[in-house]
Amino acid sequence: MHTLRDRILALDSEITTLDQTIAERESSLNATIYRLYHLTPEEIAMMESG
Protein backbone atom coordinates (compact mmCIF):
# COMPACT_ATOMS: atom_id res chain seq x y z
CA MET A 1 0.00 0.00 0.00
CA HIS A 2 1.25 3.46 -0.86
CA THR A 3 1.99 5.87 1.88
CA LEU A 4 0.56 9.37 1.75
CA ARG A 5 4.03 10.70 0.98
CA ASP A 6 4.40 8.36 -2.01
CA ARG A 7 0.99 9.36 -3.34
CA ILE A 8 1.80 13.07 -3.00
CA LEU A 9 5.10 12.60 -4.83
CA ALA A 10 3.33 10.67 -7.60
CA LEU A 11 0.68 13.39 -7.94
CA ASP A 12 3.35 16.09 -8.04
CA SER A 13 5.10 14.24 -10.85
CA GLU A 14 1.82 13.86 -12.72
CA ILE A 15 1.12 17.59 -12.36
CA THR A 16 4.57 18.41 -13.72
CA THR A 17 3.97 16.15 -16.73
CA LEU A 18 0.54 17.68 -17.35
CA ASP A 19 1.96 21.21 -17.11
CA GLN A 20 4.58 20.31 -19.73
CA THR A 21 1.95 18.78 -22.02
CA ILE A 22 -0.26 21.85 -21.73
CA ALA A 23 2.66 24.15 -22.53
CA GLU A 24 3.64 22.09 -25.59
CA ARG A 25 0.08 21.99 -26.92
CA GLU A 26 -0.44 25.70 -26.29
CA SER A 27 2.75 26.48 -28.19
CA SER A 28 1.63 24.29 -31.09
CA LEU A 29 -1.80 25.90 -31.16
CA ASN A 30 -0.27 29.38 -31.09
CA ALA A 31 2.02 28.52 -34.01
CA THR A 32 -0.99 27.30 -36.01
CA ILE A 33 -2.93 30.47 -35.27
CA TYR A 34 0.06 32.66 -36.22
CA ARG A 35 0.30 30.85 -39.57
CA LEU A 36 -3.45 31.12 -40.20
CA TYR A 37 -3.33 34.88 -39.66
CA HIS A 38 -0.01 35.27 -41.53
CA LEU A 39 1.53 37.14 -38.61
CA THR A 40 4.99 38.61 -39.01
CA PRO A 41 7.71 37.86 -36.45
CA GLU A 42 7.19 41.37 -35.05
CA GLU A 43 3.46 40.77 -34.60
CA ILE A 44 4.13 37.42 -32.95
CA ALA A 45 6.57 39.07 -30.55
CA MET A 46 3.90 41.64 -29.64
CA MET A 47 1.34 38.88 -29.03
CA GLU A 48 3.70 36.88 -26.85
CA SER A 49 4.85 39.86 -24.80
CA GLY A 50 1.36 40.40 -23.53
PDB file of N, CA and C in Angstrom:
ATOM      1  N   MET A   1       0.840  -1.180   0.000  1.00  0.00           N
ATOM      2  CA  MET A   1       0.000   0.000   0.000  1.00  0.00           C
ATOM      3  C   MET A   1       0.889   1.249   0.000  1.00  0.00           C
ATOM      4  N   HIS A   2       0.471   2.239  -0.775  1.00  0.00           N
ATOM      5  CA  HIS A   2       1.252   3.464  -0.862  1.00  0.00           C
ATOM      6  C   HIS A   2       1.041   4.326   0.376  1.00  0.00           C
ATOM      7  N   THR A   3       2.111   4.922   0.790  1.00  0.00           N
ATOM      8  CA  THR A   3       1.990   5.872   1.883  1.00  0.00           C
ATOM      9  C   THR A   3       1.506   7.201   1.320  1.00  0.00           C
ATOM     10  N   LEU A   4       1.035   8.053   2.179  1.00  0.00           N
ATOM     11  CA  LEU A   4       0.561   9.368   1.755  1.00  0.00           C
ATOM     12  C   LEU A   4       1.679  10.130   1.054  1.00  0.00           C
ATOM     13  N   ARG A   5       2.877  10.016   1.584  1.00  0.00           N
ATOM     14  CA  ARG A   5       4.035  10.696   0.981  1.00  0.00           C
ATOM     15  C   ARG A   5       4.263  10.218  -0.451  1.00  0.00           C
ATOM     16  N   ASP A   6       4.212   8.921  -0.664  1.00  0.00           N
ATOM     17  CA  ASP A   6       4.404   8.358  -2.007  1.00  0.00           C
ATOM     18  C   ASP A   6       3.331   8.852  -2.967  1.00  0.00           C
ATOM     19  N   ARG A   7       2.097   8.910  -2.493  1.00  0.00           N
ATOM     20  CA  ARG A   7       0.989   9.363  -3.336  1.00  0.00           C
ATOM     21  C   ARG A   7       1.158  10.839  -3.693  1.00  0.00           C
ATOM     22  N   ILE A   8       1.571  11.645  -2.740  1.00  0.00           N
ATOM     23  CA  ILE A   8       1.800  13.074  -2.998  1.00  0.00           C
ATOM     24  C   ILE A   8       2.920  13.257  -4.014  1.00  0.00           C
ATOM     25  N   LEU A   9       3.989  12.506  -3.879  1.00  0.00           N
ATOM     26  CA  LEU A   9       5.095  12.597  -4.834  1.00  0.00           C
ATOM     27  C   LEU A   9       4.650  12.174  -6.231  1.00  0.00           C
ATOM     28  N   ALA A  10       3.831  11.128  -6.308  1.00  0.00           N
ATOM     29  CA  ALA A  10       3.326  10.674  -7.600  1.00  0.00           C
ATOM     30  C   ALA A  10       2.424  11.730  -8.227  1.00  0.00           C
ATOM     31  N   LEU A  11       1.563  12.337  -7.425  1.00  0.00           N
ATOM     32  CA  LEU A  11       0.678  13.392  -7.942  1.00  0.00           C
ATOM     33  C   LEU A  11       1.473  14.612  -8.394  1.00  0.00           C
ATOM     34  N   ASP A  12       2.506  14.961  -7.655  1.00  0.00           N
ATOM     35  CA  ASP A  12       3.354  16.086  -8.038  1.00  0.00           C
ATOM     36  C   ASP A  12       4.026  15.826  -9.377  1.00  0.00           C
ATOM     37  N   SER A  13       4.482  14.612  -9.576  1.00  0.00           N
ATOM     38  CA  SER A  13       5.097  14.236 -10.849  1.00  0.00           C
ATOM     39  C   SER A  13       4.080  14.297 -11.981  1.00  0.00           C
ATOM     40  N   GLU A  14       2.879  13.833 -11.706  1.00  0.00           N
ATOM     41  CA  GLU A  14       1.817  13.865 -12.716  1.00  0.00           C
ATOM     42  C   GLU A  14       1.464  15.306 -13.089  1.00  0.00           C
ATOM     43  N   ILE A  15       1.405  16.173 -12.097  1.00  0.00           N
ATOM     44  CA  ILE A  15       1.116  17.592 -12.356  1.00  0.00           C
ATOM     45  C   ILE A  15       2.210  18.205 -13.222  1.00  0.00           C
ATOM     46  N   THR A  16       3.450  17.893 -12.931  1.00  0.00           N
ATOM     47  CA  THR A  16       4.567  18.409 -13.724  1.00  0.00           C
ATOM     48  C   THR A  16       4.444  17.956 -15.171  1.00  0.00           C
ATOM     49  N   THR A  17       4.138  16.686 -15.372  1.00  0.00           N
ATOM     50  CA  THR A  17       3.971  16.151 -16.725  1.00  0.00           C
ATOM     51  C   THR A  17       2.810  16.838 -17.441  1.00  0.00           C
ATOM     52  N   LEU A  18       1.701  17.011 -16.750  1.00  0.00           N
ATOM     53  CA  LEU A  18       0.542  17.678 -17.355  1.00  0.00           C
ATOM     54  C   LEU A  18       0.850  19.129 -17.697  1.00  0.00           C
ATOM     55  N   ASP A  19       1.566  19.820 -16.823  1.00  0.00           N
ATOM     56  CA  ASP A  19       1.959  21.208 -17.111  1.00  0.00           C
ATOM     57  C   ASP A  19       2.808  21.282 -18.379  1.00  0.00           C
ATOM     58  N   GLN A  20       3.730  20.339 -18.545  1.00  0.00           N
ATOM     59  CA  GLN A  20       4.578  20.305 -19.734  1.00  0.00           C
ATOM     60  C   GLN A  20       3.754  20.024 -20.983  1.00  0.00           C
ATOM     61  N   THR A  21       2.813  19.103 -20.885  1.00  0.00           N
ATOM     62  CA  THR A  21       1.949  18.776 -22.017  1.00  0.00           C
ATOM     63  C   THR A  21       1.104  19.974 -22.421  1.00  0.00           C
ATOM     64  N   ILE A  22       0.550  20.654 -21.445  1.00  0.00           N
ATOM     65  CA  ILE A  22      -0.255  21.849 -21.727  1.00  0.00           C
ATOM     66  C   ILE A  22       0.585  22.907 -22.419  1.00  0.00           C
ATOM     67  N   ALA A  23       1.784  23.151 -21.930  1.00  0.00           N
ATOM     68  CA  ALA A  23       2.665  24.154 -22.532  1.00  0.00           C
ATOM     69  C   ALA A  23       3.011  23.796 -23.975  1.00  0.00           C
ATOM     70  N   GLU A  24       3.302  22.530 -24.227  1.00  0.00           N
ATOM     71  CA  GLU A  24       3.636  22.091 -25.588  1.00  0.00           C
ATOM     72  C   GLU A  24       2.450  22.262 -26.533  1.00  0.00           C
ATOM     73  N   ARG A  25       1.268  21.887 -26.077  1.00  0.00           N
ATOM     74  CA  ARG A  25       0.076  21.994 -26.920  1.00  0.00           C
ATOM     75  C   ARG A  25      -0.316  23.452 -27.148  1.00  0.00           C
ATOM     76  N   GLU A  26      -0.145  24.280 -26.133  1.00  0.00           N
ATOM     77  CA  GLU A  26      -0.438  25.699 -26.290  1.00  0.00           C
ATOM     78  C   GLU A  26       0.505  26.334 -27.310  1.00  0.00           C
ATOM     79  N   SER A  27       1.765  25.975 -27.244  1.00  0.00           N
ATOM     80  CA  SER A  27       2.747  26.482 -28.193  1.00  0.00           C
ATOM     81  C   SER A  27       2.407  26.051 -29.620  1.00  0.00           C
ATOM     82  N   SER A  28       2.009  24.808 -29.780  1.00  0.00           N
ATOM     83  CA  SER A  28       1.635  24.292 -31.090  1.00  0.00           C
ATOM     84  C   SER A  28       0.394  25.007 -31.625  1.00  0.00           C
ATOM     85  N   LEU A  29      -0.572  25.200 -30.770  1.00  0.00           N
ATOM     86  CA  LEU A  29      -1.797  25.901 -31.164  1.00  0.00           C
ATOM     87  C   LEU A  29      -1.484  27.345 -31.544  1.00  0.00           C
ATOM     88  N   ASN A  30      -0.652  28.002 -30.758  1.00  0.00           N
ATOM     89  CA  ASN A  30      -0.266  29.378 -31.085  1.00  0.00           C
ATOM     90  C   ASN A  30       0.419  29.453 -32.448  1.00  0.00           C
ATOM     91  N   ALA A  31       1.318  28.524 -32.720  1.00  0.00           N
ATOM     92  CA  ALA A  31       2.019  28.518 -34.010  1.00  0.00           C
ATOM     93  C   ALA A  31       1.026  28.348 -35.161  1.00  0.00           C
ATOM     94  N   THR A  32       0.032  27.489 -34.980  1.00  0.00           N
ATOM     95  CA  THR A  32      -0.991  27.295 -36.007  1.00  0.00           C
ATOM     96  C   THR A  32      -1.782  28.581 -36.236  1.00  0.00           C
ATOM     97  N   ILE A  33      -2.165  29.220 -35.167  1.00  0.00           N
ATOM     98  CA  ILE A  33      -2.927  30.472 -35.274  1.00  0.00           C
ATOM     99  C   ILE A  33      -2.085  31.548 -35.951  1.00  0.00           C
ATOM    100  N   TYR A  34      -0.817  31.657 -35.598  1.00  0.00           N
ATOM    101  CA  TYR A  34       0.060  32.657 -36.221  1.00  0.00           C
ATOM    102  C   TYR A  34       0.158  32.424 -37.723  1.00  0.00           C
ATOM    103  N   ARG A  35       0.241  31.160 -38.135  1.00  0.00           N
ATOM    104  CA  ARG A  35       0.298  30.849 -39.567  1.00  0.00           C
ATOM    105  C   ARG A  35      -1.022  31.188 -40.252  1.00  0.00           C
ATOM    106  N   LEU A  36      -2.134  30.854 -39.614  1.00  0.00           N
ATOM    107  CA  LEU A  36      -3.449  31.123 -40.204  1.00  0.00           C
ATOM    108  C   LEU A  36      -3.667  32.611 -40.452  1.00  0.00           C
ATOM    109  N   TYR A  37      -3.163  33.431 -39.537  1.00  0.00           N
ATOM    110  CA  TYR A  37      -3.332  34.879 -39.664  1.00  0.00           C
ATOM    111  C   TYR A  37      -2.148  35.560 -40.348  1.00  0.00           C
ATOM    112  N   HIS A  38      -1.192  34.759 -40.804  1.00  0.00           N
ATOM    113  CA  HIS A  38      -0.014  35.269 -41.526  1.00  0.00           C
ATOM    114  C   HIS A  38       0.689  36.389 -40.738  1.00  0.00           C
ATOM    115  N   LEU A  39       0.883  36.132 -39.447  1.00  0.00           N
ATOM    116  CA  LEU A  39       1.528  37.140 -38.612  1.00  0.00           C
ATOM    117  C   LEU A  39       3.027  37.198 -38.887  1.00  0.00           C
ATOM    118  N   THR A  40       3.551  38.406 -38.835  1.00  0.00           N
ATOM    119  CA  THR A  40       4.989  38.612 -39.007  1.00  0.00           C
ATOM    120  C   THR A  40       5.688  38.288 -37.673  1.00  0.00           C
ATOM    121  N   PRO A  41       6.991  38.100 -37.709  1.00  0.00           N
ATOM    122  CA  PRO A  41       7.715  37.864 -36.447  1.00  0.00           C
ATOM    123  C   PRO A  41       7.515  39.010 -35.443  1.00  0.00           C
ATOM    124  N   GLU A  42       7.409  40.228 -35.938  1.00  0.00           N
ATOM    125  CA  GLU A  42       7.191  41.374 -35.052  1.00  0.00           C
ATOM    126  C   GLU A  42       5.812  41.289 -34.388  1.00  0.00           C
ATOM    127  N   GLU A  43       4.805  40.898 -35.161  1.00  0.00           N
ATOM    128  CA  GLU A  43       3.460  40.766 -34.604  1.00  0.00           C
ATOM    129  C   GLU A  43       3.396  39.623 -33.590  1.00  0.00           C
ATOM    130  N   ILE A  44       4.083  38.554 -33.886  1.00  0.00           N
ATOM    131  CA  ILE A  44       4.129  37.425 -32.949  1.00  0.00           C
ATOM    132  C   ILE A  44       4.787  37.853 -31.655  1.00  0.00           C
ATOM    133  N   ALA A  45       5.869  38.598 -31.755  1.00  0.00           N
ATOM    134  CA  ALA A  45       6.567  39.073 -30.551  1.00  0.00           C
ATOM    135  C   ALA A  45       5.643  39.952 -29.718  1.00  0.00           C
ATOM    136  N   MET A  46       4.856  40.802 -30.368  1.00  0.00           N
ATOM    137  CA  MET A  46       3.903  41.641 -29.644  1.00  0.00           C
ATOM    138  C   MET A  46       2.858  40.786 -28.933  1.00  0.00           C
ATOM    139  N   MET A  47       2.356  39.768 -29.619  1.00  0.00           N
ATOM    140  CA  MET A  47       1.342  38.883 -29.031  1.00  0.00           C
ATOM    141  C   MET A  47       1.901  38.136 -27.815  1.00  0.00           C
ATOM    142  N   GLU A  48       3.121  37.683 -27.920  1.00  0.00           N
ATOM    143  CA  GLU A  48       3.704  36.880 -26.853  1.00  0.00           C
ATOM    144  C   GLU A  48       4.201  37.718 -25.675  1.00  0.00           C
ATOM    145  N   SER A  49       4.392  39.008 -25.904  1.00  0.00           N
ATOM    146  CA  SER A  49       4.851  39.863 -24.803  1.00  0.00           C
ATOM    147  C   SER A  49       3.701  40.320 -23.922  1.00  0.00           C
ATOM    148  N   GLY A  50       2.495  40.079 -24.382  1.00  0.00           N
ATOM    149  CA  GLY A  50       1.359  40.398 -23.532  1.00  0.00           C
ATOM    150  C   GLY A  50       0.553  41.481 -24.096  1.00  0.00           C
TER     151      GLY A  50
END
